[in-house]
Amino acid sequence: MDISTMRSVATVASLICFVGIWVWAWRRANKNRFDEAAQLPFIED
C-alpha cells in the first residue's frame, strides 16, 4: 500500500465520519436535547 492509497483511505474515512456526525446532529430525535442544552446558560440557580 503506497502513501497515495493511504491518503485516499484517510480522506474517505474522514468524510464518512463527518457525514455521520452531521446526520446525528440534524436528527429530529436530538432536537429536544439540543434545545435544552442551548438554554443552560440562561437558567439561573
Protein backbone atom coordinates (compact mmCIF):
# COMPACT_ATOMS: atom_id res chain seq x y z
CA MET A 1 0.00 0.00 0.00
CA ASP A 2 1.60 3.28 -1.05
CA ILE A 3 1.16 6.71 0.54
CA SER A 4 -1.41 7.88 -2.04
CA THR A 5 -3.70 4.97 -1.24
CA MET A 6 -3.36 5.60 2.48
CA ARG A 7 -4.19 9.29 2.00
CA SER A 8 -7.24 8.38 -0.07
CA VAL A 9 -8.46 5.94 2.57
CA ALA A 10 -7.95 8.55 5.30
CA THR A 11 -9.85 11.16 3.29
CA VAL A 12 -12.79 8.84 2.65
CA ALA A 13 -12.88 7.75 6.30
CA SER A 14 -12.86 11.38 7.43
CA LEU A 15 -15.70 12.23 5.05
CA ILE A 16 -17.75 9.30 6.32
CA CYS A 17 -17.19 10.40 9.93
CA PHE A 18 -18.16 13.98 9.09
CA VAL A 19 -21.36 12.93 7.34
CA GLY A 20 -22.21 10.60 10.23
CA ILE A 21 -21.82 13.38 12.79
CA TRP A 22 -23.81 15.76 10.59
CA VAL A 23 -26.69 13.28 10.28
CA TRP A 24 -26.64 12.60 14.02
CA ALA A 25 -26.76 16.33 14.83
CA TRP A 26 -29.67 17.05 12.49
CA ARG A 27 -31.91 14.14 13.55
CA ARG A 28 -35.24 15.22 14.99
CA ALA A 29 -34.77 12.81 17.89
CA ASN A 30 -31.93 15.01 19.20
CA LYS A 31 -33.78 18.35 18.84
CA ASN A 32 -35.23 18.42 22.35
CA ARG A 33 -31.89 17.59 23.95
CA PHE A 34 -30.06 20.26 21.94
CA ASP A 35 -32.75 22.88 22.67
CA GLU A 36 -32.44 22.12 26.37
CA ALA A 37 -28.67 22.37 26.24
CA ALA A 38 -28.90 25.69 24.39
CA GLN A 39 -30.92 27.16 27.27
CA LEU A 40 -28.49 26.10 30.03
CA PRO A 41 -26.53 29.40 30.11
CA PHE A 42 -29.77 31.32 30.72
CA ILE A 43 -31.05 29.24 33.64
CA GLU A 44 -30.44 30.91 36.98
CA ASP A 45 -29.95 28.91 40.15
